[in-house]
PDB file of N, CA and C in Angstrom:
ATOM      1  N   MET A   1     123.793  81.125  51.655  1.00  0.00           N
ATOM      2  CA  MET A   1     124.181  80.078  50.729  1.00  0.00           C
ATOM      3  C   MET A   1     122.925  79.577  50.022  1.00  0.00           C
ATOM      4  N   ALA A   2     122.853  79.794  48.728  1.00  0.00           N
ATOM      5  CA  ALA A   2     121.682  79.385  47.961  1.00  0.00           C
ATOM      6  C   ALA A   2     121.877  77.949  47.480  1.00  0.00           C
ATOM      7  N   VAL A   3     121.099  77.053  48.047  1.00  0.00           N
ATOM      8  CA  VAL A   3     121.184  75.643  47.677  1.00  0.00           C
ATOM      9  C   VAL A   3     119.945  75.299  46.872  1.00  0.00           C
ATOM     10  N   ASN A   4     120.150  74.632  45.750  1.00  0.00           N
ATOM     11  CA  ASN A   4     119.038  74.203  44.901  1.00  0.00           C
ATOM     12  C   ASN A   4     118.224  73.148  45.650  1.00  0.00           C
ATOM     13  N   PRO A   5     116.940  73.421  45.907  1.00  0.00           N
ATOM     14  CA  PRO A   5     116.133  72.475  46.691  1.00  0.00           C
ATOM     15  C   PRO A   5     115.974  71.116  46.004  1.00  0.00           C
ATOM     16  N   ILE A   6     115.970  71.099  44.680  1.00  0.00           N
ATOM     17  CA  ILE A   6     115.834  69.829  43.963  1.00  0.00           C
ATOM     18  C   ILE A   6     117.098  68.992  44.161  1.00  0.00           C
ATOM     19  N   GLU A   7     118.261  69.639  44.060  1.00  0.00           N
ATOM     20  CA  GLU A   7     119.516  68.925  44.293  1.00  0.00           C
ATOM     21  C   GLU A   7     119.594  68.434  45.738  1.00  0.00           C
ATOM     22  N   MET A   8     119.088  69.245  46.655  1.00  0.00           N
ATOM     23  CA  MET A   8     119.083  68.853  48.063  1.00  0.00           C
ATOM     24  C   MET A   8     118.231  67.596  48.250  1.00  0.00           C
ATOM     25  N   GLN A   9     117.057  67.561  47.644  1.00  0.00           N
ATOM     26  CA  GLN A   9     116.180  66.395  47.787  1.00  0.00           C
ATOM     27  C   GLN A   9     116.821  65.145  47.187  1.00  0.00           C
ATOM     28  N   LYS A  10     117.505  65.299  46.059  1.00  0.00           N
ATOM     29  CA  LYS A  10     118.218  64.159  45.464  1.00  0.00           C
ATOM     30  C   LYS A  10     119.274  63.642  46.440  1.00  0.00           C
ATOM     31  N   ALA A  11     119.997  64.563  47.061  1.00  0.00           N
ATOM     32  CA  ALA A  11     121.056  64.187  47.999  1.00  0.00           C
ATOM     33  C   ALA A  11     120.502  63.465  49.217  1.00  0.00           C
ATOM     34  N   LEU A  12     119.272  63.806  49.595  1.00  0.00           N
ATOM     35  CA  LEU A  12     118.671  63.235  50.807  1.00  0.00           C
ATOM     36  C   LEU A  12     117.833  61.997  50.524  1.00  0.00           C
ATOM     37  N   GLY A  13     117.786  61.559  49.273  1.00  0.00           N
ATOM     38  CA  GLY A  13     117.001  60.381  48.922  1.00  0.00           C
ATOM     39  C   GLY A  13     117.439  59.171  49.732  1.00  0.00           C
ATOM     40  N   GLY A  14     116.475  58.454  50.284  1.00  0.00           N
ATOM     41  CA  GLY A  14     116.790  57.246  51.037  1.00  0.00           C
ATOM     42  C   GLY A  14     116.996  57.450  52.526  1.00  0.00           C
ATOM     43  N   VAL A  15     116.950  58.697  52.978  1.00  0.00           N
ATOM     44  CA  VAL A  15     117.089  58.951  54.422  1.00  0.00           C
ATOM     45  C   VAL A  15     115.794  58.512  55.105  1.00  0.00           C
ATOM     46  N   ASN A  16     115.927  57.750  56.182  1.00  0.00           N
ATOM     47  CA  ASN A  16     114.766  57.344  56.972  1.00  0.00           C
ATOM     48  C   ASN A  16     114.581  58.345  58.100  1.00  0.00           C
ATOM     49  N   TYR A  17     113.464  59.061  58.064  1.00  0.00           N
ATOM     50  CA  TYR A  17     113.180  60.089  59.081  1.00  0.00           C
ATOM     51  C   TYR A  17     112.372  59.488  60.204  1.00  0.00           C
ATOM     52  N   PRO A  18     112.514  59.985  61.444  1.00  0.00           N
ATOM     53  CA  PRO A  18     113.434  61.053  61.833  1.00  0.00           C
ATOM     54  C   PRO A  18     114.888  60.604  61.676  1.00  0.00           C
ATOM     55  N   ALA A  19     115.745  61.575  61.361  1.00  0.00           N
ATOM     56  CA  ALA A  19     117.153  61.291  61.125  1.00  0.00           C
ATOM     57  C   ALA A  19     118.010  62.339  61.810  1.00  0.00           C
ATOM     58  N   SER A  20     119.180  61.905  62.246  1.00  0.00           N
ATOM     59  CA  SER A  20     120.122  62.836  62.866  1.00  0.00           C
ATOM     60  C   SER A  20     120.896  63.569  61.779  1.00  0.00           C
ATOM     61  N   LYS A  21     121.530  64.643  62.171  1.00  0.00           N
ATOM     62  CA  LYS A  21     122.388  65.383  61.239  1.00  0.00           C
ATOM     63  C   LYS A  21     123.414  64.432  60.637  1.00  0.00           C
ATOM     64  N   GLU A  22     124.013  63.602  61.466  1.00  0.00           N
ATOM     65  CA  GLU A  22     125.050  62.671  61.008  1.00  0.00           C
ATOM     66  C   GLU A  22     124.520  61.730  59.917  1.00  0.00           C
ATOM     67  N   GLU A  23     123.315  61.186  60.127  1.00  0.00           N
ATOM     68  CA  GLU A  23     122.719  60.293  59.127  1.00  0.00           C
ATOM     69  C   GLU A  23     122.454  61.032  57.818  1.00  0.00           C
ATOM     70  N   ILE A  24     121.995  62.261  57.927  1.00  0.00           N
ATOM     71  CA  ILE A  24     121.695  63.072  56.746  1.00  0.00           C
ATOM     72  C   ILE A  24     122.969  63.367  55.968  1.00  0.00           C
ATOM     73  N   VAL A  25     124.016  63.766  56.667  1.00  0.00           N
ATOM     74  CA  VAL A  25     125.296  64.073  56.014  1.00  0.00           C
ATOM     75  C   VAL A  25     125.865  62.818  55.354  1.00  0.00           C
ATOM     76  N   GLN A  26     125.782  61.676  56.047  1.00  0.00           N
ATOM     77  CA  GLN A  26     126.289  60.425  55.472  1.00  0.00           C
ATOM     78  C   GLN A  26     125.549  60.054  54.193  1.00  0.00           C
ATOM     79  N   GLN A  27     124.230  60.190  54.201  1.00  0.00           N
ATOM     80  CA  GLN A  27     123.433  59.841  53.020  1.00  0.00           C
ATOM     81  C   GLN A  27     123.772  60.768  51.857  1.00  0.00           C
ATOM     82  N   ALA A  28     123.894  62.050  52.125  1.00  0.00           N
ATOM     83  CA  ALA A  28     124.237  63.007  51.065  1.00  0.00           C
ATOM     84  C   ALA A  28     125.609  62.664  50.486  1.00  0.00           C
ATOM     85  N   SER A  29     126.525  62.269  51.342  1.00  0.00           N
ATOM     86  CA  SER A  29     127.863  61.889  50.895  1.00  0.00           C
ATOM     87  C   SER A  29     127.806  60.659  49.988  1.00  0.00           C
ATOM     88  N   LYS A  30     126.974  59.677  50.359  1.00  0.00           N
ATOM     89  CA  LYS A  30     126.794  58.475  49.537  1.00  0.00           C
ATOM     90  C   LYS A  30     126.270  58.834  48.147  1.00  0.00           C
ATOM     91  N   HIS A  31     125.408  59.841  48.100  1.00  0.00           N
ATOM     92  CA  HIS A  31     124.823  60.279  46.830  1.00  0.00           C
ATOM     93  C   HIS A  31     125.736  61.257  46.092  1.00  0.00           C
ATOM     94  N   LYS A  32     126.944  61.433  46.615  1.00  0.00           N
ATOM     95  CA  LYS A  32     127.924  62.333  45.990  1.00  0.00           C
ATOM     96  C   LYS A  32     127.352  63.739  45.770  1.00  0.00           C
ATOM     97  N   ALA A  33     126.739  64.262  46.836  1.00  0.00           N
ATOM     98  CA  ALA A  33     126.164  65.611  46.799  1.00  0.00           C
ATOM     99  C   ALA A  33     127.259  66.633  46.515  1.00  0.00           C
ATOM    100  N   GLY A  34     126.875  67.713  45.887  1.00  0.00           N
ATOM    101  CA  GLY A  34     127.818  68.772  45.551  1.00  0.00           C
ATOM    102  C   GLY A  34     128.384  69.469  46.779  1.00  0.00           C
ATOM    103  N   GLU A  35     129.423  70.233  46.540  1.00  0.00           N
ATOM    104  CA  GLU A  35     130.127  70.919  47.624  1.00  0.00           C
ATOM    105  C   GLU A  35     129.211  71.864  48.394  1.00  0.00           C
ATOM    106  N   GLU A  36     128.367  72.624  47.678  1.00  0.00           N
ATOM    107  CA  GLU A  36     127.474  73.575  48.369  1.00  0.00           C
ATOM    108  C   GLU A  36     126.501  72.854  49.283  1.00  0.00           C
ATOM    109  N   ILE A  37     125.953  71.739  48.809  1.00  0.00           N
ATOM    110  CA  ILE A  37     124.998  70.981  49.629  1.00  0.00           C
ATOM    111  C   ILE A  37     125.708  70.412  50.852  1.00  0.00           C
ATOM    112  N   MET A  38     126.890  69.872  50.660  1.00  0.00           N
ATOM    113  CA  MET A  38     127.624  69.315  51.799  1.00  0.00           C
ATOM    114  C   MET A  38     127.965  70.397  52.817  1.00  0.00           C
ATOM    115  N   LYS A  39     128.358  71.578  52.349  1.00  0.00           N
ATOM    116  CA  LYS A  39     128.645  72.694  53.264  1.00  0.00           C
ATOM    117  C   LYS A  39     127.388  73.066  54.050  1.00  0.00           C
ATOM    118  N   ALA A  40     126.256  73.140  53.347  1.00  0.00           N
ATOM    119  CA  ALA A  40     124.994  73.504  54.001  1.00  0.00           C
ATOM    120  C   ALA A  40     124.610  72.467  55.052  1.00  0.00           C
ATOM    121  N   LEU A  41     124.766  71.198  54.724  1.00  0.00           N
ATOM    122  CA  LEU A  41     124.413  70.139  55.673  1.00  0.00           C
ATOM    123  C   LEU A  41     125.375  70.108  56.854  1.00  0.00           C
ATOM    124  N   ASP A  42     126.647  70.356  56.596  1.00  0.00           N
ATOM    125  CA  ASP A  42     127.622  70.402  57.694  1.00  0.00           C
ATOM    126  C   ASP A  42     127.314  71.536  58.676  1.00  0.00           C
ATOM    127  N   ALA A  43     126.673  72.590  58.183  1.00  0.00           N
ATOM    128  CA  ALA A  43     126.349  73.747  59.027  1.00  0.00           C
ATOM    129  C   ALA A  43     125.063  73.552  59.833  1.00  0.00           C
ATOM    130  N   LEU A  44     124.346  72.457  59.585  1.00  0.00           N
ATOM    131  CA  LEU A  44     123.090  72.224  60.312  1.00  0.00           C
ATOM    132  C   LEU A  44     123.342  72.033  61.800  1.00  0.00           C
ATOM    133  N   PRO A  45     122.382  72.479  62.619  1.00  0.00           N
ATOM    134  CA  PRO A  45     122.476  72.170  64.054  1.00  0.00           C
ATOM    135  C   PRO A  45     122.407  70.658  64.255  1.00  0.00           C
ATOM    136  N   ASN A  46     123.080  70.168  65.274  1.00  0.00           N
ATOM    137  CA  ASN A  46     123.126  68.740  65.558  1.00  0.00           C
ATOM    138  C   ASN A  46     121.861  68.337  66.309  1.00  0.00           C
ATOM    139  N   LYS A  47     120.839  67.918  65.558  1.00  0.00           N
ATOM    140  CA  LYS A  47     119.571  67.503  66.156  1.00  0.00           C
ATOM    141  C   LYS A  47     118.874  66.528  65.228  1.00  0.00           C
ATOM    142  N   GLN A  48     117.698  66.062  65.636  1.00  0.00           N
ATOM    143  CA  GLN A  48     116.900  65.163  64.806  1.00  0.00           C
ATOM    144  C   GLN A  48     116.040  65.986  63.849  1.00  0.00           C
ATOM    145  N   TYR A  49     115.894  65.492  62.633  1.00  0.00           N
ATOM    146  CA  TYR A  49     115.049  66.132  61.625  1.00  0.00           C
ATOM    147  C   TYR A  49     113.941  65.165  61.261  1.00  0.00           C
ATOM    148  N   ASP A  50     112.706  65.690  61.237  1.00  0.00           N
ATOM    149  CA  ASP A  50     111.533  64.847  61.020  1.00  0.00           C
ATOM    150  C   ASP A  50     111.237  64.566  59.552  1.00  0.00           C
ATOM    151  N   SER A  51     111.765  65.414  58.659  1.00  0.00           N
ATOM    152  CA  SER A  51     111.418  65.275  57.242  1.00  0.00           C
ATOM    153  C   SER A  51     112.409  66.045  56.380  1.00  0.00           C
ATOM    154  N   PRO A  52     112.402  65.782  55.071  1.00  0.00           N
ATOM    155  CA  PRO A  52     113.249  66.577  54.178  1.00  0.00           C
ATOM    156  C   PRO A  52     112.897  68.062  54.249  1.00  0.00           C
ATOM    157  N   ALA A  53     111.624  68.361  54.450  1.00  0.00           N
ATOM    158  CA  ALA A  53     111.198  69.765  54.547  1.00  0.00           C
ATOM    159  C   ALA A  53     111.856  70.442  55.751  1.00  0.00           C
ATOM    160  N   ALA A  54     111.995  69.715  56.850  1.00  0.00           N
ATOM    161  CA  ALA A  54     112.640  70.277  58.044  1.00  0.00           C
ATOM    162  C   ALA A  54     114.113  70.588  57.763  1.00  0.00           C
ATOM    163  N   VAL A  55     114.768  69.719  56.989  1.00  0.00           N
ATOM    164  CA  VAL A  55     116.167  69.958  56.622  1.00  0.00           C
ATOM    165  C   VAL A  55     116.255  71.198  55.734  1.00  0.00           C
ATOM    166  N   ASN A  56     115.381  71.272  54.726  1.00  0.00           N
ATOM    167  CA  ASN A  56     115.381  72.430  53.818  1.00  0.00           C
ATOM    168  C   ASN A  56     115.126  73.730  54.576  1.00  0.00           C
ATOM    169  N   LYS A  57     114.201  73.682  55.534  1.00  0.00           N
ATOM    170  CA  LYS A  57     113.869  74.883  56.312  1.00  0.00           C
ATOM    171  C   LYS A  57     115.095  75.352  57.097  1.00  0.00           C
ATOM    172  N   GLU A  58     115.798  74.412  57.705  1.00  0.00           N
ATOM    173  CA  GLU A  58     116.983  74.755  58.504  1.00  0.00           C
ATOM    174  C   GLU A  58     118.103  75.273  57.597  1.00  0.00           C
ATOM    175  N   VAL A  59     118.283  74.668  56.427  1.00  0.00           N
ATOM    176  CA  VAL A  59     119.298  75.134  55.476  1.00  0.00           C
ATOM    177  C   VAL A  59     118.956  76.551  55.049  1.00  0.00           C
ATOM    178  N   GLY A  60     117.669  76.841  54.862  1.00  0.00           N
ATOM    179  CA  GLY A  60     117.228  78.185  54.476  1.00  0.00           C
ATOM    180  C   GLY A  60     117.576  79.227  55.519  1.00  0.00           C
ATOM    181  N   LYS A  61     117.545  78.845  56.798  1.00  0.00           N
ATOM    182  CA  LYS A  61     117.904  79.770  57.878  1.00  0.00           C
ATOM    183  C   LYS A  61     119.373  80.130  57.836  1.00  0.00           C
ATOM    184  N   GLU A  62     120.217  79.194  57.386  1.00  0.00           N
ATOM    185  CA  GLU A  62     121.657  79.391  57.375  1.00  0.00           C
ATOM    186  C   GLU A  62     122.100  80.370  56.305  1.00  0.00           C
ATOM    187  N   SER A  63     121.272  80.517  55.248  1.00  0.00           N
ATOM    188  CA  SER A  63     121.728  81.357  54.123  1.00  0.00           C
ATOM    189  C   SER A  63     121.546  82.817  54.374  1.00  0.00           C
TER     190      SER A  63
END
């Protein structure tokens, strides 16, 4: 799944790290993230993420 990293960062704006998957998904939802981004975030392992880069890295593994 190819997710635009710029769109991903917009969706994750305002997340306070470290953050859980649930917090990340909620924030993206608040920002009305696109369907692809929401699918990618829903597929993340349920763990803590230290930074937006950590989220992007994990999303990259899923594709």
